[in-house]
Amino acid sequence: MKCKMVGSMVDRRIDFTFDGGLPAVQFDASRVHSGLHLHAEMHGWEARLRDVAANKKTELERRMAVNALVTHYYSGSPDWSTRGTAMPSPVIAAIATKRGCTYAEAEAYVVSKLLDELSA
């Protein structure tokens, strides 16, 4: 089976094609009850964030991966993937984990401490 998403403001569908000459199936999200859209969106976010951590071996690595992707999405970037973007610092990610804050907050904390040190 192969899937192809077709997305625009007007056309929101997924086309499924199958081997062996079986007929294709088309899913058109605009035909679904409006109450299901939020559930589907949140399910998609959960799956995406779980997927980024799936191949990590430790809880710290999983947390760092999820936190990095959340930080990427919160940055305002329109990119679904972080490929081709700068990877987050594992040191700052560890500080974020230790402090229980976001990557961006930990980064600001480190910069603040460095500036304090340089001005002393």
C-alpha atoms as a PDB file:
ATOM      1  CA  MET A   1       0.000   0.000   0.000  1.00  0.00           C
ATOM      2  CA  LYS A   2       1.172   3.513  -0.770  1.00  0.00           C
ATOM      3  CA  CYS A   3      -0.192   6.783   0.589  1.00  0.00           C
ATOM      4  CA  LYS A   4      -0.012  10.263  -0.853  1.00  0.00           C
ATOM      5  CA  MET A   5      -1.215  13.330   1.039  1.00  0.00           C
ATOM      6  CA  VAL A   6      -2.753  16.083  -1.028  1.00  0.00           C
ATOM      7  CA  GLY A   7      -3.133  19.216   1.028  1.00  0.00           C
ATOM      8  CA  SER A   8      -4.284  22.746   0.364  1.00  0.00           C
ATOM      9  CA  MET A   9      -6.881  25.060   1.814  1.00  0.00           C
ATOM     10  CA  VAL A  10      -9.473  23.447  -0.442  1.00  0.00           C
ATOM     11  CA  ASP A  11      -8.258  19.893  -0.997  1.00  0.00           C
ATOM     12  CA  ARG A  12      -7.320  17.849   2.092  1.00  0.00           C
ATOM     13  CA  ARG A  13      -7.135  14.208   1.222  1.00  0.00           C
ATOM     14  CA  ILE A  14      -5.041  11.073   1.370  1.00  0.00           C
ATOM     15  CA  ASP A  15      -4.928   8.768  -1.633  1.00  0.00           C
ATOM     16  CA  PHE A  16      -4.233   5.088  -0.916  1.00  0.00           C
ATOM     17  CA  THR A  17      -3.112   2.826  -3.762  1.00  0.00           C
ATOM     18  CA  PHE A  18      -2.663  -0.942  -3.557  1.00  0.00           C
ATOM     19  CA  ASP A  19      -0.662  -3.518  -5.491  1.00  0.00           C
ATOM     20  CA  GLY A  20      -2.378  -6.257  -7.459  1.00  0.00           C
ATOM     21  CA  GLY A  21      -4.786  -4.056  -9.378  1.00  0.00           C
ATOM     22  CA  LEU A  22      -6.964  -3.361  -6.346  1.00  0.00           C
ATOM     23  CA  PRO A  23      -8.990  -0.164  -6.566  1.00  0.00           C
ATOM     24  CA  ALA A  24      -7.602   2.944  -4.870  1.00  0.00           C
ATOM     25  CA  VAL A  25      -9.230   4.457  -1.784  1.00  0.00           C
ATOM     26  CA  GLN A  26      -9.455   8.189  -1.291  1.00  0.00           C
ATOM     27  CA  PHE A  27      -9.921   9.789   2.124  1.00  0.00           C
ATOM     28  CA  ASP A  28     -11.276  13.349   1.945  1.00  0.00           C
ATOM     29  CA  ALA A  29     -10.967  15.105   5.331  1.00  0.00           C
ATOM     30  CA  SER A  30     -13.509  17.749   4.324  1.00  0.00           C
ATOM     31  CA  ARG A  31     -16.209  15.047   4.379  1.00  0.00           C
ATOM     32  CA  VAL A  32     -15.550  14.091   8.037  1.00  0.00           C
ATOM     33  CA  HIS A  33     -17.656  15.403  10.918  1.00  0.00           C
ATOM     34  CA  SER A  34     -16.045  18.623  12.173  1.00  0.00           C
ATOM     35  CA  GLY A  35     -15.864  17.240  15.710  1.00  0.00           C
ATOM     36  CA  LEU A  36     -13.260  14.696  14.598  1.00  0.00           C
ATOM     37  CA  HIS A  37     -10.779  17.201  13.185  1.00  0.00           C
ATOM     38  CA  LEU A  38      -9.241  18.237  16.521  1.00  0.00           C
ATOM     39  CA  HIS A  39      -8.941  14.615  17.633  1.00  0.00           C
ATOM     40  CA  ALA A  40      -7.212  13.696  14.369  1.00  0.00           C
ATOM     41  CA  GLU A  41      -4.860  16.675  14.630  1.00  0.00           C
ATOM     42  CA  MET A  42      -3.851  15.849  18.204  1.00  0.00           C
ATOM     43  CA  HIS A  43      -3.400  12.179  17.284  1.00  0.00           C
ATOM     44  CA  GLY A  44      -1.074  13.275  14.482  1.00  0.00           C
ATOM     45  CA  TRP A  45       0.986  15.480  16.796  1.00  0.00           C
ATOM     46  CA  GLU A  46       1.268  12.688  19.348  1.00  0.00           C
ATOM     47  CA  ALA A  47       2.369  10.189  16.687  1.00  0.00           C
ATOM     48  CA  ARG A  48       4.929  12.633  15.256  1.00  0.00           C
ATOM     49  CA  LEU A  49       6.443  13.374  18.652  1.00  0.00           C
ATOM     50  CA  ARG A  50       6.475   9.684  19.646  1.00  0.00           C
ATOM     51  CA  ASP A  51       8.132   8.759  16.340  1.00  0.00           C
ATOM     52  CA  VAL A  52      11.049  11.144  16.884  1.00  0.00           C
ATOM     53  CA  ALA A  53      11.861   9.344  20.143  1.00  0.00           C
ATOM     54  CA  ALA A  54      11.184   5.796  18.990  1.00  0.00           C
ATOM     55  CA  ASN A  55      14.755   4.797  18.125  1.00  0.00           C
ATOM     56  CA  LYS A  56      16.354   6.366  21.198  1.00  0.00           C
ATOM     57  CA  LYS A  57      17.760   4.020  23.845  1.00  0.00           C
ATOM     58  CA  THR A  58      17.366   5.979  27.096  1.00  0.00           C
ATOM     59  CA  GLU A  59      14.665   8.144  28.629  1.00  0.00           C
ATOM     60  CA  LEU A  60      17.064  11.113  28.535  1.00  0.00           C
ATOM     61  CA  GLU A  61      17.645  10.624  24.787  1.00  0.00           C
ATOM     62  CA  ARG A  62      13.892  10.302  24.202  1.00  0.00           C
ATOM     63  CA  ARG A  63      13.196  13.460  26.208  1.00  0.00           C
ATOM     64  CA  MET A  64      15.910  15.359  24.375  1.00  0.00           C
ATOM     65  CA  ALA A  65      14.507  14.292  20.982  1.00  0.00           C
ATOM     66  CA  VAL A  66      10.917  15.222  21.882  1.00  0.00           C
ATOM     67  CA  ASN A  67      12.007  18.517  23.453  1.00  0.00           C
ATOM     68  CA  ALA A  68      14.098  19.420  20.394  1.00  0.00           C
ATOM     69  CA  LEU A  69      11.161  18.802  18.043  1.00  0.00           C
ATOM     70  CA  VAL A  70       8.728  20.717  20.284  1.00  0.00           C
ATOM     71  CA  THR A  71      11.210  23.607  20.361  1.00  0.00           C
ATOM     72  CA  HIS A  72      11.482  23.448  16.570  1.00  0.00           C
ATOM     73  CA  TYR A  73       7.696  23.637  16.151  1.00  0.00           C
ATOM     74  CA  TYR A  74       7.403  26.448  18.705  1.00  0.00           C
ATOM     75  CA  SER A  75      10.051  28.417  16.789  1.00  0.00           C
ATOM     76  CA  GLY A  76       7.520  29.357  14.119  1.00  0.00           C
ATOM     77  CA  SER A  77       9.281  27.389  11.393  1.00  0.00           C
ATOM     78  CA  PRO A  78       6.960  26.058   8.678  1.00  0.00           C
ATOM     79  CA  ASP A  79       9.195  22.974   8.308  1.00  0.00           C
ATOM     80  CA  TRP A  80       7.751  19.621   9.396  1.00  0.00           C
ATOM     81  CA  SER A  81      11.216  18.126   9.739  1.00  0.00           C
ATOM     82  CA  THR A  82      14.347  19.421  11.417  1.00  0.00           C
ATOM     83  CA  ARG A  83      16.555  17.900   8.709  1.00  0.00           C
ATOM     84  CA  GLY A  84      18.947  20.476   7.362  1.00  0.00           C
ATOM     85  CA  THR A  85      18.582  22.686  10.413  1.00  0.00           C
ATOM     86  CA  ALA A  86      21.130  23.064  13.177  1.00  0.00           C
ATOM     87  CA  MET A  87      20.917  20.293  15.700  1.00  0.00           C
ATOM     88  CA  PRO A  88      20.325  21.360  19.269  1.00  0.00           C
ATOM     89  CA  SER A  89      23.233  21.306  21.693  1.00  0.00           C
ATOM     90  CA  PRO A  90      23.167  18.165  23.839  1.00  0.00           C
ATOM     91  CA  VAL A  91      24.583  20.238  26.723  1.00  0.00           C
ATOM     92  CA  ILE A  92      21.736  22.762  26.560  1.00  0.00           C
ATOM     93  CA  ALA A  93      19.232  19.922  26.119  1.00  0.00           C
ATOM     94  CA  ALA A  94      20.627  18.286  29.280  1.00  0.00           C
ATOM     95  CA  ILE A  95      20.350  21.597  31.144  1.00  0.00           C
ATOM     96  CA  ALA A  96      16.723  21.899  29.974  1.00  0.00           C
ATOM     97  CA  THR A  97      16.047  18.397  31.269  1.00  0.00           C
ATOM     98  CA  LYS A  98      17.724  19.104  34.616  1.00  0.00           C
ATOM     99  CA  ARG A  99      15.902  22.439  35.059  1.00  0.00           C
ATOM    100  CA  GLY A 100      12.569  21.098  33.740  1.00  0.00           C
ATOM    101  CA  CYS A 101      12.260  23.838  31.133  1.00  0.00           C
ATOM    102  CA  THR A 102      12.184  24.169  27.356  1.00  0.00           C
ATOM    103  CA  TYR A 103      15.315  24.119  25.235  1.00  0.00           C
ATOM    104  CA  ALA A 104      14.860  27.836  24.458  1.00  0.00           C
ATOM    105  CA  GLU A 105      14.583  28.690  28.170  1.00  0.00           C
ATOM    106  CA  ALA A 106      17.737  26.674  28.952  1.00  0.00           C
ATOM    107  CA  GLU A 107      19.552  28.372  26.090  1.00  0.00           C
ATOM    108  CA  ALA A 108      18.555  31.798  27.435  1.00  0.00           C
ATOM    109  CA  TYR A 109      19.705  30.736  30.911  1.00  0.00           C
ATOM    110  CA  VAL A 110      23.137  29.678  29.588  1.00  0.00           C
ATOM    111  CA  VAL A 111      23.549  32.893  27.593  1.00  0.00           C
ATOM    112  CA  SER A 112      22.584  34.944  30.657  1.00  0.00           C
ATOM    113  CA  LYS A 113      25.119  33.113  32.830  1.00  0.00           C
ATOM    114  CA  LEU A 114      27.844  33.550  30.205  1.00  0.00           C
ATOM    115  CA  LEU A 115      27.131  37.271  29.892  1.00  0.00           C
ATOM    116  CA  ASP A 116      27.215  37.617  33.682  1.00  0.00           C
ATOM    117  CA  GLU A 117      30.562  35.827  33.736  1.00  0.00           C
ATOM    118  CA  LEU A 118      32.004  37.980  30.963  1.00  0.00           C
ATOM    119  CA  SER A 119      30.906  41.231  32.631  1.00  0.00           C
ATOM    120  CA  ALA A 120      32.360  40.290  36.032  1.00  0.00           C
END
